[in-house]
C-alpha cells in the first residue's frame, strides 16, 4: 500500500514539475514579446510597419 502511495506521489510531483516548466516557458515568451514590442516603439511613433501585417511578434 505504501509503495502505491509513493508511486502516485512521485507521478504527481513529476506532472507538476512539467506544468511549472511549461508555465515558465510561457512567461519567458511573453517577456520576450514585450521586449520586442517595446523596442519597436520609438517615442511618439509606433513602428508597426516593421513587422509584416498579420504576423505575430
PDB file of N, CA and C in Angstrom:
ATOM      1  N   UNK A   1       0.815  -1.188   0.000  1.00  0.00           N
ATOM      2  CA  UNK A   1       0.000   0.000   0.000  1.00  0.00           C
ATOM      3  C   UNK A   1       0.865   1.260   0.000  1.00  0.00           C
ATOM      4  N   UNK A   2       1.897   1.264   0.816  1.00  0.00           N
ATOM      5  CA  UNK A   2       2.770   2.429   0.909  1.00  0.00           C
ATOM      6  C   UNK A   2       3.523   2.641  -0.391  1.00  0.00           C
ATOM      7  N   UNK A   3       3.877   1.550  -1.083  1.00  0.00           N
ATOM      8  CA  UNK A   3       4.594   1.678  -2.343  1.00  0.00           C
ATOM      9  C   UNK A   3       3.695   2.317  -3.399  1.00  0.00           C
ATOM     10  N   UNK A   4       2.421   1.946  -3.405  1.00  0.00           N
ATOM     11  CA  UNK A   4       1.483   2.542  -4.353  1.00  0.00           C
ATOM     12  C   UNK A   4       1.336   4.036  -4.096  1.00  0.00           C
ATOM     13  N   UNK A   5       1.265   4.394  -2.835  1.00  0.00           N
ATOM     14  CA  UNK A   5       1.133   5.811  -2.499  1.00  0.00           C
ATOM     15  C   UNK A   5       2.381   6.586  -2.910  1.00  0.00           C
ATOM     16  N   UNK A   6       3.552   6.001  -2.684  1.00  0.00           N
ATOM     17  CA  UNK A   6       4.796   6.655  -3.088  1.00  0.00           C
ATOM     18  C   UNK A   6       4.846   6.826  -4.602  1.00  0.00           C
ATOM     19  N   UNK A   7       4.405   5.800  -5.328  1.00  0.00           N
ATOM     20  CA  UNK A   7       4.417   5.868  -6.789  1.00  0.00           C
ATOM     21  C   UNK A   7       3.483   6.965  -7.285  1.00  0.00           C
ATOM     22  N   UNK A   8       2.290   7.046  -6.705  1.00  0.00           N
ATOM     23  CA  UNK A   8       1.356   8.082  -7.155  1.00  0.00           C
ATOM     24  C   UNK A   8       1.860   9.475  -6.790  1.00  0.00           C
ATOM     25  N   UNK A   9       2.482   9.602  -5.617  1.00  0.00           N
ATOM     26  CA  UNK A   9       3.030  10.908  -5.226  1.00  0.00           C
ATOM     27  C   UNK A   9       4.153  11.312  -6.173  1.00  0.00           C
ATOM     28  N   UNK A  10       5.019  10.346  -6.529  1.00  0.00           N
ATOM     29  CA  UNK A  10       6.098  10.636  -7.475  1.00  0.00           C
ATOM     30  C   UNK A  10       5.548  11.059  -8.836  1.00  0.00           C
ATOM     31  N   UNK A  11       4.525  10.361  -9.310  1.00  0.00           N
ATOM     32  CA  UNK A  11       3.925  10.704 -10.600  1.00  0.00           C
ATOM     33  C   UNK A  11       3.330  12.115 -10.563  1.00  0.00           C
ATOM     34  N   UNK A  12       2.614  12.419  -9.497  1.00  0.00           N
ATOM     35  CA  UNK A  12       2.016  13.752  -9.371  1.00  0.00           C
ATOM     36  C   UNK A  12       3.092  14.831  -9.304  1.00  0.00           C
ATOM     37  N   UNK A  13       4.169  14.556  -8.597  1.00  0.00           N
ATOM     38  CA  UNK A  13       5.259  15.527  -8.490  1.00  0.00           C
ATOM     39  C   UNK A  13       5.891  15.770  -9.857  1.00  0.00           C
ATOM     40  N   UNK A  14       6.081  14.722 -10.628  1.00  0.00           N
ATOM     41  CA  UNK A  14       6.657  14.866 -11.966  1.00  0.00           C
ATOM     42  C   UNK A  14       5.724  15.657 -12.881  1.00  0.00           C
ATOM     43  N   UNK A  15       4.432  15.397 -12.791  1.00  0.00           N
ATOM     44  CA  UNK A  15       3.465  16.138 -13.611  1.00  0.00           C
ATOM     45  C   UNK A  15       3.481  17.619 -13.253  1.00  0.00           C
ATOM     46  N   UNK A  16       3.568  17.933 -11.976  1.00  0.00           N
ATOM     47  CA  UNK A  16       3.595  19.330 -11.550  1.00  0.00           C
ATOM     48  C   UNK A  16       4.868  20.015 -12.014  1.00  0.00           C
ATOM     49  N   UNK A  17       5.993  19.302 -12.000  1.00  0.00           N
ATOM     50  CA  UNK A  17       7.244  19.875 -12.492  1.00  0.00           C
ATOM     51  C   UNK A  17       7.122  20.211 -13.971  1.00  0.00           C
ATOM     52  N   UNK A  18       6.520  19.322 -14.747  1.00  0.00           N
ATOM     53  CA  UNK A  18       6.331  19.570 -16.177  1.00  0.00           C
ATOM     54  C   UNK A  18       5.421  20.785 -16.376  1.00  0.00           C
ATOM     55  N   UNK A  19       4.353  20.869 -15.599  1.00  0.00           N
ATOM     56  CA  UNK A  19       3.435  22.002 -15.708  1.00  0.00           C
ATOM     57  C   UNK A  19       4.132  23.309 -15.363  1.00  0.00           C
ATOM     58  N   UNK A  20       4.953  23.293 -14.316  1.00  0.00           N
ATOM     59  CA  UNK A  20       5.674  24.500 -13.931  1.00  0.00           C
ATOM     60  C   UNK A  20       6.668  24.923 -15.009  1.00  0.00           C
ATOM     61  N   UNK A  21       7.356  23.950 -15.609  1.00  0.00           N
ATOM     62  CA  UNK A  21       8.296  24.266 -16.680  1.00  0.00           C
ATOM     63  C   UNK A  21       7.571  24.921 -17.848  1.00  0.00           C
ATOM     64  N   UNK A  22       6.395  24.392 -18.196  1.00  0.00           N
ATOM     65  CA  UNK A  22       5.630  24.960 -19.305  1.00  0.00           C
ATOM     66  C   UNK A  22       5.186  26.381 -18.968  1.00  0.00           C
ATOM     67  N   UNK A  23       4.755  26.612 -17.728  1.00  0.00           N
ATOM     68  CA  UNK A  23       4.339  27.945 -17.311  1.00  0.00           C
ATOM     69  C   UNK A  23       5.498  28.928 -17.398  1.00  0.00           C
ATOM     70  N   UNK A  24       6.679  28.504 -16.948  1.00  0.00           N
ATOM     71  CA  UNK A  24       7.846  29.380 -17.005  1.00  0.00           C
ATOM     72  C   UNK A  24       8.220  29.696 -18.443  1.00  0.00           C
ATOM     73  N   UNK A  25       8.117  28.693 -19.340  1.00  0.00           N
ATOM     74  CA  UNK A  25       8.412  28.935 -20.750  1.00  0.00           C
ATOM     75  C   UNK A  25       7.443  29.954 -21.335  1.00  0.00           C
ATOM     76  N   UNK A  26       6.159  29.834 -20.986  1.00  0.00           N
ATOM     77  CA  UNK A  26       5.166  30.784 -21.487  1.00  0.00           C
ATOM     78  C   UNK A  26       5.454  32.185 -20.984  1.00  0.00           C
ATOM     79  N   UNK A  27       5.833  32.303 -19.711  1.00  0.00           N
ATOM     80  CA  UNK A  27       6.152  33.611 -19.156  1.00  0.00           C
ATOM     81  C   UNK A  27       7.381  34.201 -19.840  1.00  0.00           C
ATOM     82  N   UNK A  28       8.378  33.351 -20.145  1.00  0.00           N
ATOM     83  CA  UNK A  28       9.570  33.822 -20.827  1.00  0.00           C
ATOM     84  C   UNK A  28       9.220  34.329 -22.220  1.00  0.00           C
ATOM     85  N   UNK A  29       8.367  33.593 -22.942  1.00  0.00           N
ATOM     86  CA  UNK A  29       7.963  34.025 -24.279  1.00  0.00           C
ATOM     87  C   UNK A  29       7.214  35.351 -24.212  1.00  0.00           C
ATOM     88  N   UNK A  30       6.353  35.489 -23.218  1.00  0.00           N
ATOM     89  CA  UNK A  30       5.594  36.725 -23.061  1.00  0.00           C
ATOM     90  C   UNK A  30       6.537  37.894 -22.792  1.00  0.00           C
ATOM     91  N   UNK A  31       7.539  37.684 -21.959  1.00  0.00           N
ATOM     92  CA  UNK A  31       8.510  38.740 -21.659  1.00  0.00           C
ATOM     93  C   UNK A  31       9.320  39.093 -22.905  1.00  0.00           C
ATOM     94  N   UNK A  32       9.688  38.089 -23.703  1.00  0.00           N
ATOM     95  CA  UNK A  32      10.437  38.347 -24.934  1.00  0.00           C
ATOM     96  C   UNK A  32       9.601  39.159 -25.914  1.00  0.00           C
ATOM     97  N   UNK A  33       8.328  38.803 -26.074  1.00  0.00           N
ATOM     98  CA  UNK A  33       7.452  39.558 -26.984  1.00  0.00           C
ATOM     99  C   UNK A  33       7.307  41.000 -26.513  1.00  0.00           C
ATOM    100  N   UNK A  34       7.195  41.167 -25.192  1.00  0.00           N
ATOM    101  CA  UNK A  34       7.060  42.509 -24.643  1.00  0.00           C
ATOM    102  C   UNK A  34       8.303  43.343 -24.939  1.00  0.00           C
ATOM    103  N   UNK A  35       9.483  42.745 -24.804  1.00  0.00           N
ATOM    104  CA  UNK A  35      10.723  43.464 -25.102  1.00  0.00           C
ATOM    105  C   UNK A  35      10.805  43.837 -26.578  1.00  0.00           C
ATOM    106  N   UNK A  36      10.405  42.918 -27.445  1.00  0.00           N
ATOM    107  CA  UNK A  36      10.437  43.200 -28.883  1.00  0.00           C
ATOM    108  C   UNK A  36       9.477  44.332 -29.218  1.00  0.00           C
ATOM    109  N   UNK A  37       8.278  44.270 -28.668  1.00  0.00           N
ATOM    110  CA  UNK A  37       7.299  45.323 -28.939  1.00  0.00           C
ATOM    111  C   UNK A  37       7.778  46.660 -28.393  1.00  0.00           C
ATOM    112  N   UNK A  38       8.406  46.640 -27.225  1.00  0.00           N
ATOM    113  CA  UNK A  38       8.905  47.876 -26.641  1.00  0.00           C
ATOM    114  C   UNK A  38      10.031  48.444 -27.498  1.00  0.00           C
ATOM    115  N   UNK A  39      10.866  47.571 -28.088  1.00  0.00           N
ATOM    116  CA  UNK A  39      11.953  48.061 -28.928  1.00  0.00           C
ATOM    117  C   UNK A  39      11.416  48.628 -30.243  1.00  0.00           C
ATOM    118  N   UNK A  40      10.229  48.174 -30.664  1.00  0.00           N
ATOM    119  CA  UNK A  40       9.635  48.700 -31.893  1.00  0.00           C
ATOM    120  C   UNK A  40       8.929  50.030 -31.653  1.00  0.00           C
ATOM    121  N   UNK A  41       8.766  50.413 -30.404  1.00  0.00           N
ATOM    122  CA  UNK A  41       8.096  51.661 -30.074  1.00  0.00           C
ATOM    123  C   UNK A  41       9.143  52.754 -30.018  1.00  0.00           C
ATOM    124  N   UNK A  42       9.000  53.771 -30.846  1.00  0.00           N
ATOM    125  CA  UNK A  42      10.001  54.827 -30.930  1.00  0.00           C
ATOM    126  C   UNK A  42       9.343  56.154 -30.585  1.00  0.00           C
ATOM    127  N   UNK A  43       9.339  56.506 -29.311  1.00  0.00           N
ATOM    128  CA  UNK A  43       8.773  57.774 -28.885  1.00  0.00           C
ATOM    129  C   UNK A  43       7.302  57.871 -29.205  1.00  0.00           C
ATOM    130  N   UNK A  44       6.941  58.878 -29.988  1.00  0.00           N
ATOM    131  CA  UNK A  44       5.534  59.076 -30.313  1.00  0.00           C
ATOM    132  C   UNK A  44       5.094  58.247 -31.508  1.00  0.00           C
ATOM    133  N   UNK A  45       6.049  57.611 -32.192  1.00  0.00           N
ATOM    134  CA  UNK A  45       5.701  56.829 -33.382  1.00  0.00           C
ATOM    135  C   UNK A  45       5.856  55.347 -33.095  1.00  0.00           C
ATOM    136  N   UNK A  46       4.855  54.596 -33.459  1.00  0.00           N
ATOM    137  CA  UNK A  46       4.965  53.148 -33.350  1.00  0.00           C
ATOM    138  C   UNK A  46       5.446  52.625 -34.700  1.00  0.00           C
ATOM    139  N   UNK A  47       6.455  51.815 -34.668  1.00  0.00           N
ATOM    140  CA  UNK A  47       6.993  51.271 -35.907  1.00  0.00           C
ATOM    141  C   UNK A  47       6.264  49.985 -36.251  1.00  0.00           C
ATOM    142  N   UNK A  48       4.950  50.089 -36.355  1.00  0.00           N
ATOM    143  CA  UNK A  48       4.130  48.898 -36.552  1.00  0.00           C
ATOM    144  C   UNK A  48       4.350  48.281 -37.930  1.00  0.00           C
ATOM    145  N   UNK A  49       4.871  49.046 -38.862  1.00  0.00           N
ATOM    146  CA  UNK A  49       5.046  48.505 -40.208  1.00  0.00           C
ATOM    147  C   UNK A  49       6.361  47.774 -40.381  1.00  0.00           C
ATOM    148  N   UNK A  50       7.165  47.702 -39.341  1.00  0.00           N
ATOM    149  CA  UNK A  50       8.383  46.938 -39.443  1.00  0.00           C
ATOM    150  C   UNK A  50       8.095  45.445 -39.364  1.00  0.00           C
ATOM    151  N   UNK A  51       6.967  45.095 -38.795  1.00  0.00           N
ATOM    152  CA  UNK A  51       6.527  43.696 -38.742  1.00  0.00           C
ATOM    153  C   UNK A  51       5.427  43.542 -39.784  1.00  0.00           C
ATOM    154  N   UNK A  52       5.541  42.547 -40.670  1.00  0.00           N
ATOM    155  CA  UNK A  52       4.509  42.367 -41.698  1.00  0.00           C
ATOM    156  C   UNK A  52       3.131  42.189 -41.083  1.00  0.00           C
ATOM    157  N   UNK A  53       2.153  42.725 -41.771  1.00  0.00           N
ATOM    158  CA  UNK A  53       0.776  42.659 -41.273  1.00  0.00           C
ATOM    159  C   UNK A  53       0.333  41.200 -41.157  1.00  0.00           C
ATOM    160  N   UNK A  54      -0.287  40.880 -40.050  1.00  0.00           N
ATOM    161  CA  UNK A  54      -0.776  39.527 -39.827  1.00  0.00           C
ATOM    162  C   UNK A  54       0.228  38.624 -39.123  1.00  0.00           C
ATOM    163  N   UNK A  55       1.463  39.094 -38.993  1.00  0.00           N
ATOM    164  CA  UNK A  55       2.484  38.290 -38.314  1.00  0.00           C
ATOM    165  C   UNK A  55       2.529  38.690 -36.855  1.00  0.00           C
ATOM    166  N   UNK A  56       2.755  37.723 -36.010  1.00  0.00           N
ATOM    167  CA  UNK A  56       2.873  38.000 -34.580  1.00  0.00           C
ATOM    168  C   UNK A  56       4.327  38.187 -34.205  1.00  0.00           C
ATOM    169  N   UNK A  57       4.532  38.990 -33.196  1.00  0.00           N
ATOM    170  CA  UNK A  57       5.885  39.226 -32.709  1.00  0.00           C
ATOM    171  C   UNK A  57       6.075  38.416 -31.463  1.00  0.00           C
TER     172      UNK A  57
END
